[in-house]
Amino acid sequence: MISKLNILVRVLHTVSHLKPIQVAYQLKNRFTKPSLLPEYYKDFRVAETKLHFSPLPKIGTVLKVLDNEYQFTFLNQDKTFSSKIDWADEGYGKLWNYNLQYVDFLRQEDVSEEIKLTLLSDLYSALEQGALKLEPYPVSLRIMNVIRFLSQQESSDEFLQKRVFGEVNYLSKHLEYHLLGNHLLENGFALLMGGHFFKNPVWITLAEKLLKKELEEQILDDGAHFELSPMYHQIILFRILEVLDYLPSENPCYGIFHTVAKRMINWLKSISFDNGDIPHFNDSIDGIAFTTKQLIGLAVKLKISPDLKTPLKSSGYRKLKTNNLELVADVHGISPDYQPGHAHADSLSFVLYAFGQPFVVDMGISTYQIGAKRSLERSTMAHNTVTIDNQNTAEVWSGFRVGKRPKVTLLASTVNNIKAYLSFDKFEHFRSFSLVSNTLIIEDKIKSDKIAVSRLYLHPKVEVNLIDSGKIEFSNGSTLLISNEVEVMVNDYEYNTGYNCQVPAKCLEVKFIGECSIKFLEKK
């Protein structure tokens, strides 16, 4: 059990990194409540023009309609509503409900326009009556989905326009300064789209000012989004590409968005593996964002092509590559200081692809629900790095909090070698990744006489043959040689293929004292 004093210290460590504006808006939000939707569309005027949007890749099935039943599928969880939909339903948690509110079914081609209009009318009725409360994040995504839908209609839909106008007006007064990060960017993108759709110069000015400031801060020098989640990077990159799609090229801000998109595309190309996969660092998983290949395709249509090679720098990721091996290492600490909600205790971890296929993988995420599963997936022992007594190397807690953070120092970075040092409380870890004659060598040094454990989470398709404690052969033909090990174990774990979806796989646990070396040999 954690003592009350330790809880207080943990909270103080967490809060000490917040910006004053976050604290101020946290307090404001606790003491003020938004009005109902009708209050925000009093000054509504019909939008006479539409925005231009290029077609997007097809969406999967999120809605099935049978007679008077509606089955929604989000995060690999199904829920059926008979006749009346509870838009505030949180039976599967907050994130599932948010997905329900996003109205992504508007992009589903096999759902009729009549059903789409019926469901939108029902949702907005819930908002008008207070059965569903207005919240900035789902409001933002819903605004953009509905405006895209309205722009595809032949005639103006005054009923829907009025409700969307009200949501944009609400959003302009409830930007998520208490969170900042990707939430505030989504607010800005929705406000900008709403401003141009309704030709509202006040909203446009506010959105442009917000987005310029936040993109300058949130997009790092090497092009990464500063929350260091490849999945969220993909999400934000799409939003910028979407702006470039509807914004006239002569707009004064067009060049700013174009430059940012170019940098972000370059980083995404660099962090992705040759087959297009992203490493599942921090809160990343497949099936949520547009893929790297899809985003590059959208960018090319907007005359943005990624550079052949852009180095990874300020994001704290590094890559080593041979003809058959691709390794991406995390040699960074917790970022950003004031919004680490998607950060994991995974410093000095890595992901390895061999022969174009996943080999040593990050287990990914399966839930945002606060509990044991969420805590495990953010823990150090859930990643390809070293622990002693299963202790974390960052004080991750609750669902999205981080208290005390590690000190991580990059000692060397070349095309053939990466060296880094991590210090957290009394735990000190030196790790190097080296390429020597197409052999990958990982060396660990721990300043302790206790038994340390280095974990290697294998992709479900990789089979293991433990020859002895110092030699392991894999089904892809490669061999692993271990030096200075005390014991090597092959354990079962659940690899996340998506939210709430796991498949069995194997994890190697290499126990050692002081120092250990692991060599990956390519198949002959």
Protein backbone atom coordinates (compact mmCIF):
# COMPACT_ATOMS: atom_id res chain seq x y z
CA MET A 1 0.00 0.00 0.00
CA ILE A 2 1.19 3.53 -0.77
CA SER A 3 1.23 5.80 2.26
CA LYS A 4 -0.63 9.10 2.29
CA LEU A 5 2.70 10.91 2.43
CA ASN A 6 3.98 9.09 -0.65
CA ILE A 7 0.75 9.88 -2.49
CA LEU A 8 1.15 13.55 -1.61
CA VAL A 9 4.76 13.56 -2.80
CA ARG A 10 3.74 11.86 -6.05
CA VAL A 11 1.01 14.44 -6.66
CA LEU A 12 3.44 17.28 -5.95
CA HIS A 13 5.95 15.83 -8.42
CA THR A 14 3.16 15.64 -11.00
CA VAL A 15 1.70 19.09 -10.45
CA SER A 16 5.10 20.80 -10.29
CA HIS A 17 5.52 20.33 -14.05
CA LEU A 18 2.19 21.92 -15.02
CA LYS A 19 1.99 25.33 -16.63
CA PRO A 20 0.17 28.05 -14.65
CA ILE A 21 -2.47 28.28 -17.39
CA GLN A 22 -3.27 24.59 -16.90
CA VAL A 23 -3.80 25.05 -13.17
CA ALA A 24 -5.92 28.15 -13.71
CA TYR A 25 -8.19 26.45 -16.24
CA GLN A 26 -8.41 23.27 -14.14
CA LEU A 27 -9.86 25.41 -11.36
CA LYS A 28 -12.08 27.38 -13.74
CA ASN A 29 -13.56 24.22 -15.24
CA ARG A 30 -14.40 22.86 -11.80
CA PHE A 31 -16.43 25.90 -10.87
CA THR A 32 -18.15 26.73 -14.17
CA LYS A 33 -20.46 24.69 -16.36
CA PRO A 34 -21.24 25.25 -20.04
CA SER A 35 -24.72 26.23 -21.14
CA LEU A 36 -26.89 23.96 -23.26
CA LEU A 37 -26.37 24.01 -27.01
CA PRO A 38 -29.27 26.42 -27.89
CA GLU A 39 -27.50 29.18 -25.95
CA TYR A 40 -24.62 29.05 -28.42
CA TYR A 41 -26.52 29.23 -31.72
CA LYS A 42 -28.60 32.34 -31.03
CA ASP A 43 -26.67 34.44 -33.58
CA PHE A 44 -26.66 31.77 -36.29
CA ARG A 45 -26.48 32.71 -39.96
CA VAL A 46 -26.69 30.19 -42.81
CA ALA A 47 -23.39 29.33 -44.51
CA GLU A 48 -23.87 29.86 -48.24
CA THR A 49 -20.65 28.22 -49.43
CA LYS A 50 -19.01 24.86 -48.82
CA LEU A 51 -15.42 23.79 -48.23
CA HIS A 52 -13.53 21.58 -50.66
CA PHE A 53 -12.39 18.19 -49.36
CA SER A 54 -10.61 15.47 -51.28
CA PRO A 55 -11.87 11.89 -50.83
CA LEU A 56 -10.37 10.02 -47.89
CA PRO A 57 -9.49 6.32 -47.62
CA LYS A 58 -12.55 4.23 -46.85
CA ILE A 59 -13.49 3.87 -43.20
CA GLY A 60 -14.18 0.49 -41.62
CA THR A 61 -17.63 -0.49 -40.39
CA VAL A 62 -18.47 1.44 -37.24
CA LEU A 63 -22.27 1.22 -37.65
CA LYS A 64 -24.62 -1.59 -38.62
CA VAL A 65 -28.35 -0.92 -38.90
CA LEU A 66 -30.96 -3.68 -38.70
CA ASP A 67 -34.63 -2.75 -38.41
CA ASN A 68 -34.75 -0.42 -35.40
CA GLU A 69 -31.42 -1.50 -33.94
CA TYR A 70 -28.12 0.33 -34.23
CA GLN A 71 -24.90 -1.57 -33.56
CA PHE A 72 -21.82 0.58 -33.03
CA THR A 73 -18.31 -0.86 -33.06
CA PHE A 74 -15.44 1.12 -31.58
CA LEU A 75 -12.16 -0.04 -30.06
CA ASN A 76 -13.11 -3.62 -31.04
CA GLN A 77 -16.17 -3.50 -28.76
CA ASP A 78 -19.76 -3.75 -30.02
CA LYS A 79 -22.85 -2.21 -28.49
CA THR A 80 -26.40 -2.40 -29.81
CA PHE A 81 -29.07 0.20 -29.09
CA SER A 82 -32.71 -0.59 -29.75
CA SER A 83 -34.51 2.43 -31.21
CA LYS A 84 -33.20 4.98 -28.70
CA ILE A 85 -29.47 5.65 -28.57
CA ASP A 86 -27.90 6.72 -25.30
CA TRP A 87 -25.26 9.12 -26.61
CA ALA A 88 -23.82 9.48 -23.10
CA ASP A 89 -23.37 5.73 -22.59
CA GLU A 90 -20.04 4.94 -20.89
CA GLY A 91 -20.54 1.23 -20.35
CA TYR A 92 -17.27 0.59 -22.20
CA GLY A 93 -15.56 3.65 -20.78
CA LYS A 94 -14.98 7.27 -21.70
CA LEU A 95 -12.96 6.67 -24.86
CA TRP A 96 -15.64 4.39 -26.36
CA ASN A 97 -18.25 7.04 -25.65
CA TYR A 98 -16.09 9.72 -27.25
CA ASN A 99 -15.87 7.58 -30.38
CA LEU A 100 -19.65 7.34 -30.38
CA GLN A 101 -19.84 11.13 -30.26
CA TYR A 102 -17.37 11.70 -33.10
CA VAL A 103 -20.04 10.52 -35.62
CA ASP A 104 -17.45 8.79 -37.80
CA PHE A 105 -20.34 6.86 -39.36
CA LEU A 106 -20.83 9.92 -41.59
CA ARG A 107 -17.89 8.64 -43.67
CA GLN A 108 -19.29 5.12 -43.94
CA GLU A 109 -20.51 4.64 -47.51
CA ASP A 110 -22.98 1.82 -46.83
CA VAL A 111 -25.01 3.91 -44.38
CA SER A 112 -27.78 5.88 -46.09
CA GLU A 113 -27.97 9.66 -45.85
CA GLU A 114 -31.43 9.31 -44.30
CA ILE A 115 -30.03 7.28 -41.40
CA LYS A 116 -27.10 9.66 -41.00
CA LEU A 117 -29.45 12.64 -40.76
CA THR A 118 -31.72 10.80 -38.32
CA LEU A 119 -28.82 9.97 -36.01
CA LEU A 120 -27.40 13.49 -36.17
CA SER A 121 -30.79 14.93 -35.31
CA ASP A 122 -31.07 12.56 -32.34
CA LEU A 123 -27.59 13.40 -31.08
CA TYR A 124 -28.16 17.14 -31.30
CA SER A 125 -31.48 16.70 -29.53
CA ALA A 126 -29.60 15.05 -26.66
CA LEU A 127 -27.20 18.00 -26.55
CA GLU A 128 -30.03 20.53 -26.61
CA GLN A 129 -31.87 18.80 -23.78
CA GLY A 130 -28.81 18.20 -21.63
CA ALA A 131 -28.91 14.39 -21.91
CA LEU A 132 -25.41 14.69 -23.37
CA LYS A 133 -23.06 17.40 -22.19
CA LEU A 134 -20.84 19.49 -24.40
CA GLU A 135 -17.13 18.61 -24.10
CA PRO A 136 -14.43 20.34 -26.16
CA TYR A 137 -12.61 17.27 -27.49
CA PRO A 138 -15.56 15.27 -28.93
CA VAL A 139 -17.13 18.55 -30.02
CA SER A 140 -13.96 19.35 -32.01
CA LEU A 141 -13.87 16.05 -33.87
CA ARG A 142 -17.64 16.13 -34.44
CA ILE A 143 -17.47 19.65 -35.89
CA MET A 144 -14.92 18.55 -38.48
CA ASN A 145 -16.82 15.38 -39.40
CA VAL A 146 -20.16 17.18 -39.78
CA ILE A 147 -18.70 20.09 -41.78
CA ARG A 148 -17.11 17.59 -44.15
CA PHE A 149 -20.55 15.91 -44.43
CA LEU A 150 -22.37 19.23 -44.98
CA SER A 151 -19.87 20.25 -47.67
CA GLN A 152 -20.79 17.15 -49.66
CA GLN A 153 -24.53 17.90 -49.64
CA GLU A 154 -26.08 19.57 -52.67
CA SER A 155 -28.30 21.96 -50.69
CA SER A 156 -27.77 23.77 -47.41
CA ASP A 157 -29.07 21.98 -44.32
CA GLU A 158 -30.07 24.83 -42.03
CA PHE A 159 -30.98 22.50 -39.14
CA LEU A 160 -27.55 20.91 -39.01
CA GLN A 161 -25.70 24.11 -39.79
CA LYS A 162 -27.35 25.80 -36.84
CA ARG A 163 -26.25 23.07 -34.41
CA VAL A 164 -22.69 22.99 -35.77
CA PHE A 165 -22.53 26.79 -35.56
CA GLY A 166 -23.50 26.48 -31.90
CA GLU A 167 -20.78 23.90 -31.30
CA VAL A 168 -18.10 26.05 -32.91
CA ASN A 169 -19.27 29.03 -30.84
CA TYR A 170 -19.16 26.88 -27.69
CA LEU A 171 -15.68 25.63 -28.58
CA SER A 172 -14.37 29.17 -29.10
CA LYS A 173 -15.19 29.80 -25.42
CA HIS A 174 -14.01 26.44 -24.02
CA LEU A 175 -10.60 25.70 -25.50
CA GLU A 176 -8.75 23.00 -23.57
CA TYR A 177 -6.06 25.11 -21.94
CA HIS A 178 -6.27 22.86 -18.88
CA LEU A 179 -4.79 20.03 -20.98
CA LEU A 180 -2.91 21.71 -23.85
CA GLY A 181 -1.06 19.24 -26.12
CA ASN A 182 -2.89 17.43 -28.91
CA HIS A 183 -6.30 18.31 -27.43
CA LEU A 184 -5.69 22.03 -27.90
CA LEU A 185 -4.50 21.44 -31.46
CA GLU A 186 -7.69 19.53 -32.28
CA ASN A 187 -9.65 22.47 -30.83
CA GLY A 188 -7.73 24.83 -33.09
CA PHE A 189 -8.24 22.76 -36.23
CA ALA A 190 -12.00 22.52 -35.57
CA LEU A 191 -12.24 26.25 -34.86
CA LEU A 192 -10.36 27.07 -38.06
CA MET A 193 -12.57 24.80 -40.17
CA GLY A 194 -15.70 26.22 -38.53
CA GLY A 195 -14.46 29.76 -39.07
CA HIS A 196 -13.92 29.21 -42.79
CA PHE A 197 -17.18 27.29 -43.24
CA PHE A 198 -19.25 30.01 -41.58
CA LYS A 199 -16.97 32.84 -42.78
CA ASN A 200 -16.49 34.05 -39.22
CA PRO A 201 -13.34 36.24 -39.03
CA VAL A 202 -13.28 36.18 -35.22
CA TRP A 203 -13.05 32.38 -35.12
CA ILE A 204 -10.50 32.33 -37.95
CA THR A 205 -8.25 34.87 -36.21
CA LEU A 206 -8.47 33.03 -32.89
CA ALA A 207 -7.75 29.68 -34.55
CA GLU A 208 -4.81 30.98 -36.60
CA LYS A 209 -3.21 32.59 -33.57
CA LEU A 210 -3.69 29.43 -31.51
CA LEU A 211 -2.41 27.04 -34.18
CA LYS A 212 0.65 29.13 -35.05
CA LYS A 213 1.70 29.24 -31.41
CA GLU A 214 0.96 25.61 -30.62
CA LEU A 215 2.48 24.15 -33.79
CA GLU A 216 5.66 26.12 -33.19
CA GLU A 217 5.88 24.59 -29.70
CA GLN A 218 4.46 21.13 -30.30
CA ILE A 219 6.31 20.22 -33.50
CA LEU A 220 9.96 19.62 -32.68
CA ASP A 221 12.96 20.55 -34.82
CA ASP A 222 13.12 17.10 -36.42
CA GLY A 223 9.39 17.20 -37.23
CA ALA A 224 8.02 15.01 -34.41
CA HIS A 225 4.94 15.88 -32.42
CA PHE A 226 6.24 16.53 -28.92
CA GLU A 227 4.11 13.90 -27.17
CA LEU A 228 6.36 11.36 -28.95
CA SER A 229 3.58 8.94 -29.82
CA PRO A 230 3.88 7.91 -33.49
CA MET A 231 0.12 7.30 -33.56
CA TYR A 232 -0.76 10.79 -32.31
CA HIS A 233 1.82 12.19 -34.72
CA GLN A 234 -0.16 10.54 -37.54
CA ILE A 235 -3.41 11.99 -36.19
CA ILE A 236 -2.08 15.55 -36.00
CA LEU A 237 -0.36 15.29 -39.37
CA PHE A 238 -3.67 14.34 -40.99
CA ARG A 239 -5.32 17.42 -39.49
CA ILE A 240 -2.69 19.67 -41.05
CA LEU A 241 -3.07 17.95 -44.41
CA GLU A 242 -6.84 18.42 -44.09
CA VAL A 243 -6.33 22.15 -43.56
CA LEU A 244 -4.14 22.34 -46.66
CA ASP A 245 -6.87 20.53 -48.59
CA TYR A 246 -9.62 23.11 -47.98
CA LEU A 247 -7.53 26.24 -47.40
CA PRO A 248 -6.87 28.33 -50.53
CA SER A 249 -3.17 28.37 -51.42
CA GLU A 250 -3.18 32.17 -51.43
CA ASN A 251 -4.19 32.22 -47.73
CA PRO A 252 -1.40 33.86 -45.66
CA CYS A 253 -1.25 30.82 -43.34
CA TYR A 254 -1.04 28.23 -46.11
CA GLY A 255 2.76 28.38 -46.24
CA ILE A 256 3.04 27.84 -42.47
CA PHE A 257 0.89 24.70 -42.56
CA HIS A 258 2.71 23.45 -45.66
CA THR A 259 6.11 23.79 -43.99
CA VAL A 260 4.96 22.02 -40.82
CA ALA A 261 3.35 19.21 -42.84
CA LYS A 262 6.60 18.70 -44.77
CA ARG A 263 8.62 18.36 -41.56
CA MET A 264 6.07 16.01 -40.02
CA ILE A 265 5.96 13.81 -43.13
CA ASN A 266 9.76 13.58 -43.09
CA TRP A 267 9.79 12.49 -39.44
CA LEU A 268 7.01 9.95 -39.98
CA LYS A 269 8.89 8.49 -42.94
CA SER A 270 12.05 8.25 -40.80
CA ILE A 271 10.43 6.68 -37.73
CA SER A 272 8.41 4.17 -39.78
CA PHE A 273 9.84 0.83 -40.83
CA ASP A 274 10.36 0.01 -44.50
CA ASN A 275 7.04 -1.86 -44.64
CA GLY A 276 5.20 1.26 -43.39
CA ASP A 277 4.60 0.14 -39.78
CA ILE A 278 5.18 2.54 -36.92
CA PRO A 279 6.86 1.49 -33.66
CA HIS A 280 4.28 1.37 -30.88
CA PHE A 281 6.11 3.68 -28.51
CA ASN A 282 4.07 5.45 -25.86
CA ASP A 283 0.33 5.40 -26.63
CA SER A 284 0.44 3.95 -30.13
CA ILE A 285 -1.46 1.11 -31.76
CA ASP A 286 -2.64 0.24 -35.27
CA GLY A 287 -6.15 0.85 -36.58
CA ILE A 288 -6.77 4.32 -35.12
CA ALA A 289 -4.95 6.81 -37.34
CA PHE A 290 -4.36 6.86 -41.07
CA THR A 291 -1.30 4.76 -41.89
CA THR A 292 2.05 6.16 -42.95
CA LYS A 293 1.40 4.99 -46.51
CA GLN A 294 -2.04 6.65 -46.59
CA LEU A 295 -0.70 9.92 -45.16
CA ILE A 296 2.16 10.05 -47.63
CA GLY A 297 -0.40 9.46 -50.39
CA LEU A 298 -2.54 12.36 -49.13
CA ALA A 299 0.55 14.56 -48.84
CA VAL A 300 1.74 13.80 -52.37
CA LYS A 301 -1.67 14.90 -53.72
CA LEU A 302 -1.00 18.21 -51.97
CA LYS A 303 2.45 18.38 -53.60
CA ILE A 304 4.30 17.42 -50.40
CA SER A 305 6.79 14.60 -50.83
CA PRO A 306 8.94 13.22 -48.01
CA ASP A 307 12.70 13.55 -48.25
CA LEU A 308 14.59 10.33 -48.81
CA LYS A 309 16.35 10.54 -45.46
CA THR A 310 15.75 12.91 -42.56
CA PRO A 311 17.68 12.21 -39.34
CA LEU A 312 15.88 11.66 -36.05
CA LYS A 313 17.16 14.22 -33.54
CA SER A 314 15.23 16.26 -30.97
CA SER A 315 12.44 13.68 -30.62
CA GLY A 316 14.90 11.40 -28.81
CA TYR A 317 14.44 8.44 -31.15
CA ARG A 318 17.32 6.92 -33.09
CA LYS A 319 17.48 4.30 -35.84
CA LEU A 320 20.08 1.72 -36.84
CA LYS A 321 19.71 -0.16 -40.09
CA THR A 322 21.33 -2.94 -42.12
CA ASN A 323 20.01 -4.61 -45.24
CA ASN A 324 17.86 -6.91 -43.10
CA LEU A 325 17.56 -5.29 -39.67
CA GLU A 326 15.82 -2.07 -38.62
CA LEU A 327 16.03 -0.90 -35.01
CA VAL A 328 14.37 2.16 -33.49
CA ALA A 329 15.50 3.07 -29.98
CA ASP A 330 13.95 5.43 -27.43
CA VAL A 331 16.80 7.38 -25.84
CA HIS A 332 14.65 10.14 -24.42
CA GLY A 333 12.92 10.78 -21.12
CA ILE A 334 9.35 11.97 -20.46
CA SER A 335 7.93 14.54 -22.86
CA PRO A 336 6.47 17.08 -22.75
CA ASP A 337 7.01 17.99 -19.10
CA TYR A 338 3.58 19.57 -18.63
CA GLN A 339 1.52 17.02 -20.61
CA PRO A 340 2.94 13.48 -20.32
CA GLY A 341 -0.45 11.78 -20.47
CA HIS A 342 0.58 9.48 -23.32
CA ALA A 343 4.10 8.81 -22.03
CA HIS A 344 5.28 5.39 -20.84
CA ALA A 345 8.16 4.43 -18.57
CA ASP A 346 9.99 3.06 -21.61
CA SER A 347 13.25 5.00 -21.83
CA LEU A 348 16.08 3.00 -23.47
CA SER A 349 13.57 0.57 -24.96
CA PHE A 350 13.66 -0.44 -28.63
CA VAL A 351 11.72 -2.11 -31.45
CA LEU A 352 13.41 -4.36 -34.00
CA TYR A 353 12.27 -5.51 -37.44
CA ALA A 354 14.06 -8.31 -39.28
CA PHE A 355 13.77 -9.10 -42.99
CA GLY A 356 10.95 -6.57 -43.34
CA GLN A 357 8.81 -8.10 -40.59
CA PRO A 358 8.22 -7.29 -36.88
CA PHE A 359 10.56 -9.22 -34.59
CA VAL A 360 11.08 -7.58 -31.17
CA VAL A 361 8.01 -5.41 -30.63
CA ASP A 362 6.41 -3.02 -28.22
CA MET A 363 3.31 -4.73 -26.81
CA GLY A 364 1.29 -1.57 -27.57
CA ILE A 365 -1.84 -0.46 -25.77
CA SER A 366 -5.27 -2.02 -25.36
CA THR A 367 -7.11 0.42 -23.10
CA TYR A 368 -7.22 3.92 -21.60
CA GLN A 369 -9.34 2.67 -18.70
CA ILE A 370 -7.61 3.34 -15.38
CA GLY A 371 -6.66 0.02 -13.82
CA ALA A 372 -4.13 -2.79 -13.74
CA LYS A 373 -4.02 -3.26 -17.53
CA ARG A 374 -3.36 0.40 -18.24
CA SER A 375 -0.71 0.50 -15.51
CA LEU A 376 1.03 -2.57 -16.91
CA GLU A 377 1.11 -1.24 -20.46
CA ARG A 378 2.75 1.99 -19.31
CA SER A 379 5.25 0.22 -17.03
CA THR A 380 8.94 -0.35 -17.67
CA MET A 381 8.56 -4.13 -17.42
CA ALA A 382 6.16 -4.02 -20.40
CA HIS A 383 8.93 -2.73 -22.67
CA ASN A 384 12.16 -3.98 -24.19
CA THR A 385 14.51 -2.66 -21.57
CA VAL A 386 15.93 -3.50 -18.14
CA THR A 387 14.35 -3.52 -14.68
CA ILE A 388 15.35 -4.48 -11.15
CA ASP A 389 12.57 -5.82 -8.93
CA ASN A 390 10.09 -4.83 -11.69
CA GLN A 391 10.41 -1.19 -10.69
CA ASN A 392 9.43 1.55 -13.13
CA THR A 393 11.96 4.07 -14.40
CA ALA A 394 9.32 6.82 -14.34
CA GLU A 395 6.53 7.33 -11.84
CA VAL A 396 3.60 6.61 -14.14
CA TRP A 397 0.32 6.47 -12.27
CA SER A 398 -3.44 6.74 -12.69
CA GLY A 399 -4.22 6.56 -16.40
CA PHE A 400 -2.36 9.60 -17.71
CA ARG A 401 -0.15 10.92 -14.91
CA VAL A 402 3.60 10.98 -14.38
CA GLY A 403 5.22 12.02 -11.11
CA LYS A 404 8.98 11.71 -10.78
CA ARG A 405 10.83 11.39 -14.08
CA PRO A 406 14.16 9.83 -15.12
CA LYS A 407 17.25 11.63 -16.30
CA VAL A 408 18.19 10.30 -19.75
CA THR A 409 21.43 11.33 -21.47
CA LEU A 410 22.38 10.48 -25.04
CA LEU A 411 26.10 9.70 -24.96
CA ALA A 412 26.72 8.82 -28.61
CA SER A 413 24.77 8.61 -31.85
CA THR A 414 26.25 7.52 -35.18
CA VAL A 415 25.05 5.41 -38.10
CA ASN A 416 26.43 2.32 -36.35
CA ASN A 417 26.19 3.08 -32.64
CA ILE A 418 23.83 4.51 -30.03
CA LYS A 419 24.79 4.93 -26.38
CA ALA A 420 22.61 6.31 -23.62
CA TYR A 421 22.44 6.55 -19.83
CA LEU A 422 19.38 6.52 -17.57
CA SER A 423 19.19 7.48 -13.91
CA PHE A 424 16.07 7.16 -11.78
CA ASP A 425 16.21 7.19 -7.97
CA LYS A 426 19.11 4.81 -7.26
CA PHE A 427 18.76 2.92 -10.54
CA GLU A 428 21.48 3.58 -13.16
CA HIS A 429 21.45 1.96 -16.58
CA PHE A 430 23.96 2.28 -19.43
CA ARG A 431 22.80 0.81 -22.76
CA SER A 432 24.43 0.70 -26.19
CA PHE A 433 23.17 -0.50 -29.57
CA SER A 434 25.90 -1.30 -32.11
CA LEU A 435 26.11 -2.65 -35.64
CA VAL A 436 29.23 -4.70 -36.30
CA SER A 437 29.43 -6.54 -39.63
CA ASN A 438 25.63 -6.75 -39.92
CA THR A 439 25.39 -8.05 -36.35
CA LEU A 440 23.32 -6.08 -33.85
CA ILE A 441 24.82 -5.97 -30.36
CA ILE A 442 22.95 -4.65 -27.32
CA GLU A 443 25.05 -4.12 -24.21
CA ASP A 444 23.65 -3.29 -20.78
CA LYS A 445 25.44 -2.18 -17.63
CA ILE A 446 23.62 -1.78 -14.32
CA LYS A 447 25.20 -0.25 -11.22
CA SER A 448 23.82 -2.81 -8.80
CA ASP A 449 24.63 -6.25 -7.41
CA LYS A 450 20.99 -7.29 -7.67
CA ILE A 451 19.62 -9.49 -10.45
CA ALA A 452 18.41 -7.38 -13.35
CA VAL A 453 16.00 -8.51 -16.07
CA SER A 454 16.22 -7.53 -19.72
CA ARG A 455 13.00 -8.27 -21.60
CA LEU A 456 12.51 -8.91 -25.29
CA TYR A 457 8.88 -9.01 -26.40
CA LEU A 458 8.59 -11.07 -29.58
CA HIS A 459 5.99 -10.68 -32.29
CA PRO A 460 3.28 -13.40 -32.18
CA LYS A 461 4.52 -14.90 -35.45
CA VAL A 462 8.04 -15.39 -34.10
CA GLU A 463 8.69 -18.86 -32.68
CA VAL A 464 11.47 -19.51 -30.17
CA ASN A 465 13.90 -22.40 -29.81
CA LEU A 466 15.94 -22.13 -26.60
CA ILE A 467 19.10 -24.11 -27.36
CA ASP A 468 20.65 -23.21 -24.00
CA SER A 469 20.74 -20.14 -21.79
CA GLY A 470 23.28 -18.47 -24.09
CA LYS A 471 21.84 -19.34 -27.49
CA ILE A 472 18.37 -18.93 -28.96
CA GLU A 473 17.16 -19.60 -32.47
CA PHE A 474 14.06 -18.03 -34.03
CA SER A 475 11.65 -19.10 -36.73
CA ASN A 476 12.79 -16.24 -38.98
CA GLY A 477 16.23 -17.87 -39.17
CA SER A 478 18.08 -15.43 -36.94
CA THR A 479 20.05 -16.37 -33.85
CA LEU A 480 20.51 -14.61 -30.53
CA LEU A 481 23.69 -15.07 -28.46
CA ILE A 482 23.77 -13.93 -24.83
CA SER A 483 26.84 -13.31 -22.69
CA ASN A 484 27.03 -13.05 -18.87
CA GLU A 485 23.48 -14.24 -18.36
CA VAL A 486 22.36 -15.82 -15.09
CA GLU A 487 19.20 -17.34 -16.58
CA VAL A 488 17.06 -17.05 -19.70
CA MET A 489 13.34 -17.75 -19.59
CA VAL A 490 10.64 -17.88 -22.27
CA ASN A 491 7.34 -16.56 -20.94
CA ASP A 492 3.89 -15.95 -22.37
CA TYR A 493 2.40 -12.50 -22.79
CA GLU A 494 -0.51 -10.83 -24.60
CA TYR A 495 0.43 -8.76 -27.64
CA ASN A 496 -2.03 -5.96 -28.42
CA THR A 497 -3.27 -5.91 -32.01
CA GLY A 498 -5.68 -3.08 -31.18
CA TYR A 499 -7.77 -1.70 -28.36
CA ASN A 500 -9.29 -4.56 -26.35
CA CYS A 501 -7.76 -7.11 -28.69
CA GLN A 502 -4.81 -9.35 -27.77
CA VAL A 503 -3.12 -12.46 -29.15
CA PRO A 504 -0.65 -14.75 -27.35
CA ALA A 505 3.08 -14.27 -27.92
CA LYS A 506 6.42 -15.01 -26.27
CA CYS A 507 8.71 -12.83 -24.17
CA LEU A 508 12.35 -13.57 -23.41
CA GLU A 509 13.56 -12.65 -19.93
CA VAL A 510 17.33 -12.45 -19.63
CA LYS A 511 18.49 -12.32 -16.02
CA PHE A 512 21.96 -10.95 -15.31
CA ILE A 513 24.06 -9.17 -12.71
CA GLY A 514 26.03 -6.06 -13.58
CA GLU A 515 26.58 -6.52 -17.32
CA CYS A 516 25.00 -8.39 -20.20
CA SER A 517 25.49 -8.57 -23.96
CA ILE A 518 22.93 -9.70 -26.52
CA LYS A 519 23.87 -10.32 -30.16
CA PHE A 520 21.37 -10.68 -32.99
CA LEU A 521 22.84 -12.63 -35.89
CA GLU A 522 21.12 -12.51 -39.26
CA LYS A 523 20.21 -15.78 -40.94
CA LYS A 524 22.77 -17.10 -43.40
